[in-house]
Protein backbone atom coordinates (compact mmCIF):
# COMPACT_ATOMS: atom_id res chain seq x y z
CA MET A 1 39.87 38.35 -38.30
CA ARG A 2 42.65 39.77 -40.45
CA LEU A 3 45.66 41.74 -39.61
CA ILE A 4 48.06 43.99 -41.64
CA GLN A 5 50.83 46.73 -40.41
CA PHE A 6 50.92 49.78 -42.34
CA MET A 7 52.70 53.60 -41.73
CA THR A 8 50.34 56.60 -41.54
CA SER A 9 50.76 59.61 -43.78
CA GLN A 10 52.31 60.66 -40.94
CA GLY A 11 54.87 58.53 -40.86
CA GLU A 12 53.36 56.17 -37.60
CA ARG A 13 53.31 52.79 -37.37
CA ARG A 14 50.19 50.97 -36.96
CA VAL A 15 47.99 47.76 -36.62
CA GLY A 16 44.48 47.76 -38.81
CA ALA A 17 41.88 44.86 -38.45
CA ILE A 18 39.66 44.14 -41.13
CA ASP A 19 36.04 44.36 -40.41
CA ASP A 20 33.41 41.51 -42.13
CA ASP A 21 32.31 44.40 -44.41
CA GLY A 22 35.84 45.22 -45.46
CA ALA A 23 36.26 48.12 -43.61
CA LEU A 24 39.77 48.73 -42.01
CA ARG A 25 39.66 49.45 -38.22
CA VAL A 26 42.97 51.32 -36.26
CA VAL A 27 43.97 49.22 -33.45
CA THR A 28 44.43 51.86 -30.57
CA GLY A 29 47.01 50.43 -28.54
CA ASP A 30 49.88 48.74 -29.60
CA HIS A 31 51.70 49.35 -32.60
CA THR A 32 52.15 46.47 -33.55
CA VAL A 33 51.28 42.62 -33.86
CA TYR A 34 54.63 41.53 -32.29
CA GLU A 35 54.01 43.70 -29.38
CA LEU A 36 49.99 42.32 -29.11
CA ALA A 37 50.91 38.78 -29.47
CA ASN A 38 53.22 39.38 -26.67
CA ARG A 39 50.59 40.78 -24.70
CA ALA A 40 48.12 37.99 -25.39
CA ILE A 41 50.58 35.67 -24.25
CA ALA A 42 50.87 37.34 -21.10
CA ALA A 43 47.33 37.92 -20.44
CA GLY A 44 46.51 34.05 -21.52
CA THR A 45 44.08 35.42 -23.60
CA THR A 46 43.90 35.18 -27.53
CA LEU A 47 45.12 37.24 -29.96
CA ASP A 48 41.70 38.06 -31.82
CA GLU A 49 40.81 38.86 -27.88
CA THR A 50 43.57 41.35 -27.50
CA VAL A 51 43.04 42.72 -30.70
CA ARG A 52 39.58 43.49 -30.57
CA ALA A 53 39.80 44.78 -26.80
CA GLN A 54 42.31 47.84 -28.37
CA LEU A 55 40.05 48.69 -31.51
CA GLY A 56 38.18 51.86 -31.35
CA ASP A 57 36.20 53.89 -33.93
CA GLU A 58 39.12 55.42 -36.46
CA LEU A 59 38.94 54.07 -39.67
CA ALA A 60 41.63 53.57 -42.37
CA ASP A 61 42.04 54.15 -46.01
CA TYR A 62 43.25 50.63 -47.48
CA ASP A 63 43.06 51.31 -51.17
CA ALA A 64 45.48 54.66 -50.32
CA ILE A 65 47.70 52.57 -48.28
CA LEU A 66 48.53 49.66 -50.89
CA ARG A 67 48.59 52.79 -53.27
CA GLU A 68 50.94 54.89 -51.47
CA ARG A 69 53.01 51.94 -50.52
CA ARG A 70 52.41 52.34 -46.91
CA ILE A 71 51.92 48.87 -46.07
CA LEU A 72 54.33 46.90 -44.39
CA ALA A 73 54.80 42.85 -43.83
CA PRO A 74 52.09 41.83 -41.30
CA LEU A 75 54.87 40.81 -38.62
CA ASP A 76 58.12 41.92 -38.18
CA HIS A 77 60.36 41.90 -35.01
CA PRO A 78 62.65 44.91 -33.50
CA GLU A 79 65.64 43.12 -34.36
CA PRO A 80 65.29 41.45 -37.88
CA ALA A 81 67.69 38.99 -37.33
CA ARG A 82 65.45 37.38 -34.72
CA PHE A 83 63.16 37.02 -37.02
CA LEU A 84 63.53 33.31 -38.67
CA ILE A 85 62.37 32.90 -42.22
CA THR A 86 62.53 29.04 -43.25
CA GLY A 87 60.36 26.34 -45.13
CA THR A 88 59.82 23.36 -46.66
CA GLY A 89 59.09 21.70 -50.27
CA LEU A 90 57.36 18.78 -51.78
CA THR A 91 54.50 19.28 -49.88
CA HIS A 92 51.77 19.60 -52.49
CA LEU A 93 51.10 17.30 -55.62
CA GLY A 94 51.54 20.19 -57.53
CA SER A 95 54.98 20.58 -56.07
CA ALA A 96 56.07 17.13 -57.24
CA ASP A 97 54.53 17.78 -60.53
CA ALA A 98 56.67 21.38 -60.87
CA ARG A 99 60.12 19.18 -59.33
CA ASP A 100 59.73 16.80 -62.19
CA LYS A 101 59.12 19.07 -64.93
CA MET A 102 62.25 21.33 -63.64
CA HIS A 103 64.10 18.37 -63.71
CA GLU A 104 63.36 17.39 -66.91
CA LEU A 105 64.25 20.44 -68.66
CA ALA A 106 67.70 20.53 -66.84
CA HIS A 107 68.47 17.00 -67.24
CA GLY A 108 66.57 15.20 -69.68
CA ALA A 109 62.96 12.91 -69.07
CA ASP A 110 64.74 10.06 -68.75
CA GLU A 111 66.73 11.11 -65.77
CA ASP A 112 65.03 9.83 -62.34
CA LEU A 113 64.41 12.33 -59.58
CA THR A 114 64.59 9.75 -57.57
CA ASP A 115 65.26 12.13 -53.98
CA SER A 116 62.45 14.47 -54.49
CA MET A 117 60.20 12.33 -55.60
CA LYS A 118 60.95 9.30 -52.61
CA ILE A 119 60.42 12.33 -49.95
CA PHE A 120 57.19 13.52 -51.80
CA ARG A 121 55.88 9.43 -51.31
CA MET A 122 57.12 9.70 -47.82
CA GLY A 123 54.79 12.40 -47.13
CA LEU A 124 52.32 11.33 -48.99
CA ASP A 125 52.19 7.65 -46.64
CA GLY A 126 53.15 8.97 -43.48
CA GLY A 127 52.85 13.25 -43.53
CA LYS A 128 49.36 12.75 -41.80
CA PRO A 129 49.60 11.18 -38.94
CA ASP A 130 46.77 9.95 -36.50
CA ALA A 131 46.32 13.32 -33.59
CA ASP A 132 48.66 11.51 -31.04
CA ALA A 133 50.91 10.42 -33.48
CA ILE A 134 54.45 11.99 -35.07
CA GLY A 135 54.29 11.38 -39.06
CA VAL A 136 57.67 11.61 -41.65
CA GLN A 137 59.94 14.46 -41.58
CA PRO A 138 59.38 16.68 -44.61
CA GLU A 139 62.09 18.74 -46.48
CA TRP A 140 63.27 22.06 -44.76
CA PHE A 141 65.67 24.83 -45.96
CA PHE A 142 66.91 28.36 -44.35
CA LYS A 143 65.63 31.43 -46.55
CA GLY A 144 67.22 34.16 -44.12
CA VAL A 145 66.24 36.09 -41.57
CA GLY A 146 64.02 39.27 -41.36
CA THR A 147 66.30 41.58 -43.61
CA CYS A 148 65.30 39.33 -46.45
CA VAL A 149 61.39 40.07 -46.27
CA VAL A 150 60.15 42.55 -48.56
CA PRO A 151 56.58 44.62 -48.06
CA PRO A 152 53.85 43.90 -50.39
CA GLU A 153 53.67 46.38 -53.23
CA VAL A 154 57.55 46.37 -53.24
CA PRO A 155 60.01 45.12 -55.61
CA LEU A 156 61.57 42.02 -55.08
CA PRO A 157 65.42 41.95 -56.11
CA SER A 158 66.80 39.39 -57.78
CA PRO A 159 70.65 39.19 -57.22
CA SER A 160 72.80 40.16 -60.52
CA PHE A 161 74.69 36.35 -60.05
CA ALA A 162 71.07 34.90 -60.32
CA LEU A 163 70.02 32.33 -62.70
CA ALA A 164 66.39 33.22 -62.56
CA GLY A 165 63.82 34.19 -60.24
CA GLY A 166 60.77 33.19 -59.75
CA GLU A 167 57.69 33.14 -57.36
CA GLU A 168 56.57 30.40 -55.21
CA ALA A 169 53.26 30.79 -54.14
CA GLU A 170 52.45 29.54 -50.89
CA VAL A 171 50.86 29.52 -47.55
CA VAL A 172 53.05 30.78 -44.60
CA GLY A 173 52.60 30.10 -40.99
CA PHE A 174 53.83 32.85 -38.23
CA TYR A 175 55.13 31.83 -34.71
CA ILE A 176 56.62 33.62 -31.46
CA ILE A 177 58.35 31.93 -28.73
CA ALA A 178 56.81 32.45 -25.10
CA GLU A 179 59.15 33.79 -22.39
CA ASP A 180 59.21 29.56 -21.50
CA GLY A 181 60.41 28.56 -24.93
CA THR A 182 56.71 27.72 -25.73
CA PRO A 183 56.24 28.17 -29.63
CA PHE A 184 52.65 30.36 -29.82
CA ARG A 185 51.03 30.29 -33.27
CA ILE A 186 50.32 33.71 -34.28
CA GLY A 187 48.80 33.04 -37.77
CA PHE A 188 48.54 32.70 -41.34
CA ALA A 189 49.51 34.72 -44.69
CA ILE A 190 50.16 34.00 -48.42
CA GLY A 191 53.50 34.16 -49.29
CA ASN A 192 56.29 34.82 -52.48
CA GLU A 193 59.24 32.37 -51.60
CA PHE A 194 60.98 33.95 -54.07
CA SER A 195 63.75 31.48 -55.71
CA ASP A 196 65.95 30.78 -58.13
CA GLN A 197 64.75 27.45 -59.75
CA VAL A 198 67.29 27.31 -62.21
CA THR A 199 69.88 26.85 -59.41
CA GLU A 200 68.29 24.35 -57.78
CA ALA A 201 67.20 22.35 -61.06
CA LEU A 202 71.23 22.20 -61.87
CA ASN A 203 71.57 20.06 -58.68
CA TYR A 204 69.74 19.38 -55.48
CA LEU A 205 72.60 19.92 -53.54
CA TYR A 206 72.32 23.73 -55.19
CA LEU A 207 68.79 24.05 -52.96
CA ALA A 208 70.30 25.95 -50.43
CA HIS A 209 72.00 28.39 -52.42
CA SER A 210 68.50 29.06 -54.35
CA LYS A 211 66.37 29.80 -51.59
CA LEU A 212 68.59 32.50 -50.08
CA ARG A 213 66.80 35.18 -51.59
CA PRO A 214 64.45 38.18 -50.44
CA CYS A 215 60.39 37.00 -50.40
CA SER A 216 57.15 38.76 -49.39
CA PHE A 217 54.06 38.26 -47.46
CA GLY A 218 50.82 39.41 -47.04
CA PRO A 219 49.81 41.88 -46.78
CA GLU A 220 46.76 40.31 -44.98
CA LEU A 221 47.35 38.21 -41.59
CA LEU A 222 44.53 35.53 -40.64
CA LEU A 223 44.20 35.04 -36.97
CA GLY A 224 42.93 31.73 -36.34
CA PRO A 225 42.51 28.08 -37.87
CA LEU A 226 44.13 27.38 -41.49
CA PRO A 227 41.04 26.84 -43.73
CA GLN A 228 41.22 23.20 -45.36
CA ASP A 229 41.08 23.64 -48.89
CA LEU A 230 42.37 27.21 -50.16
CA LYS A 231 41.83 28.26 -53.15
CA GLY A 232 42.92 31.21 -55.28
CA SER A 233 45.07 31.91 -58.50
CA VAL A 234 48.93 33.05 -59.31
CA ARG A 235 49.50 35.34 -62.35
CA VAL A 236 52.56 36.47 -63.44
CA VAL A 237 52.02 40.23 -65.54
CA ARG A 238 54.32 41.79 -67.69
CA ASP A 239 53.78 45.60 -69.40
CA GLY A 240 49.98 45.72 -67.55
CA ALA A 241 49.12 42.12 -69.30
CA PRO A 242 49.45 38.36 -67.66
CA ILE A 243 51.91 36.35 -69.55
CA TRP A 244 50.94 33.25 -67.48
CA GLU A 245 48.08 32.28 -64.80
CA GLY A 246 47.49 29.15 -62.45
CA GLU A 247 45.27 27.48 -59.98
CA PHE A 248 46.59 27.90 -56.07
CA LEU A 249 45.00 24.93 -53.79
CA SER A 250 46.60 24.18 -50.83
CA GLY A 251 45.43 23.84 -47.23
CA GLU A 252 45.63 19.95 -45.60
CA SER A 253 43.07 19.19 -47.96
CA ASN A 254 45.52 19.72 -50.74
CA MET A 255 49.25 18.82 -48.90
CA SER A 256 50.61 15.47 -48.20
CA HIS A 257 51.79 17.19 -44.84
CA SER A 258 49.71 18.16 -41.64
CA VAL A 259 50.58 21.77 -40.22
CA ARG A 260 51.50 19.99 -37.11
CA ASN A 261 53.64 17.57 -38.52
CA LEU A 262 55.33 20.36 -40.15
CA GLU A 263 55.67 22.48 -37.17
CA HIS A 264 56.78 19.35 -34.63
CA TYR A 265 59.87 19.31 -37.06
CA HIS A 266 60.61 22.20 -37.12
CA PHE A 267 60.17 23.64 -33.04
CA ARG A 268 62.10 20.07 -31.94
CA TYR A 269 64.97 22.32 -32.29
CA ASP A 270 66.02 24.02 -28.91
CA MET A 271 67.77 26.58 -31.58
CA PHE A 272 64.08 27.59 -32.75
CA ARG A 273 62.41 27.47 -29.14
CA ARG A 274 64.63 30.98 -28.33
CA PRO A 275 62.07 33.58 -26.20
CA GLY A 276 61.10 36.66 -27.94
CA ASP A 277 62.25 35.10 -31.76
CA LEU A 278 59.83 35.21 -34.16
CA HIS A 279 59.37 32.81 -37.00
CA ALA A 280 57.68 32.51 -40.37
CA TYR A 281 57.76 29.18 -42.16
CA PHE A 282 56.88 29.12 -45.70
CA PHE A 283 54.58 25.39 -46.24
CA GLY A 284 55.42 24.87 -50.27
CA ALA A 285 54.42 25.85 -53.53
CA PRO A 286 51.29 23.89 -55.05
CA ILE A 287 52.36 25.57 -58.83
CA LEU A 288 55.34 27.45 -59.94
CA SER A 289 54.98 29.28 -63.35
CA CYS A 290 58.88 28.23 -64.08
CA ALA A 291 57.59 24.94 -64.42
CA ASN A 292 55.20 25.61 -67.10
CA GLY A 293 57.41 27.46 -69.55
CA VAL A 294 57.50 30.92 -67.68
CA THR A 295 61.09 33.00 -67.68
CA THR A 296 60.54 36.01 -66.06
CA THR A 297 62.59 39.06 -66.62
CA ASP A 298 63.04 42.44 -64.86
CA GLY A 299 60.05 44.79 -63.81
CA ASP A 300 57.48 41.31 -64.12
CA VAL A 301 55.06 41.67 -61.69
CA PHE A 302 53.88 38.47 -59.55
CA GLU A 303 50.44 38.58 -57.81
CA ILE A 304 48.86 35.59 -55.69
CA ASP A 305 45.13 36.31 -54.77
CA VAL A 306 43.48 33.98 -52.75
CA PRO A 307 40.30 35.26 -50.87
CA ALA A 308 40.27 34.01 -47.72
CA PHE A 309 43.67 36.28 -47.24
CA GLY A 310 41.89 39.27 -48.25
CA ARG A 311 43.99 41.32 -50.69
CA PRO A 312 46.36 39.86 -53.23
CA LEU A 313 49.75 39.86 -52.60
CA ARG A 314 51.98 41.99 -55.28
CA ASN A 315 55.46 42.17 -56.10
CA SER A 316 57.42 43.12 -59.16
CA MET A 317 61.00 41.74 -59.79
CA ALA A 318 64.10 43.99 -59.97
CA VAL A 319 66.97 42.54 -61.47
CA SER A 320 69.88 43.62 -59.14
CA GLN A 321 73.16 45.66 -60.50
CA ALA A 322 76.36 43.73 -60.00
CA SER A 323 78.59 44.63 -57.10
CA ALA A 324 81.71 43.09 -56.04
CA VAL A 325 82.09 41.69 -52.39
CA VAL A 326 85.82 42.43 -50.91
CA VAL A 327 86.95 39.67 -47.99
CA LYS A 328 89.46 41.76 -46.37
CA ALA A 329 91.49 40.30 -43.88
CA LEU A 330 92.11 41.92 -40.00
């Protein structure tokens, strides 16, 4: 099952489920996925079962929702500061190649990218342990909180001080923390972990700065297990025409880490098991347009199309105007 969150033309929130035939059926009870997930935990049922119990006969016009930008992110929290956005990198073969190319552009082909390639090779060797074992620790970064999430079809603002703004097409895992501190996986979506790869390439210690940007995911939330082999495409569109397109390959068959291993290293920290919190965890980008010679500009559109996740994720880039920040003493 796949879910979306949207606003009606009357300004009311709703959750919709996409039928096998592509029809969008409206959930009649709870109006957010967060509410539905909490209800499923309390009842000891799956989210799929909880949603099906609330499906009625009302249908919604999915095309109109997208066209009129009434689509919302497929998961959010009533208190955005309690929605933690994090991620990992160097989990795909393509991601290691991209880091190499970024580093060569910044420092020359003879410069070794020892730390990045070392952690990637560690993942290849130990990122997919046996079912009862724990593998090697992955890379990790903090992206922001719920206020940095931009809905599908809405522009991604790039700060005036950014050196670049590039797409990072990734699978995103979503989690809710139960009252007893247990993390429950809600589902998965396609995401754009929009980043400043030029700043990152200057020095690997700038990675943290390069990630503090808006992001987007959706429009659809996939319930159930993540497909092992995910295929799709990533495009950058300028003035209505693609200027670059690459193949998207993800799922555990194309990753150096298992989802279980990534989840273990994230949720082992007590601070990430606070009851009631939500987590969005980006699993790493297999391909980057910037590593293939693309420099994005204001107005470019990023389109990530992976059929297993339903409709494509689209966002344009909007360069923000410079503004002074003044710190005042109390």
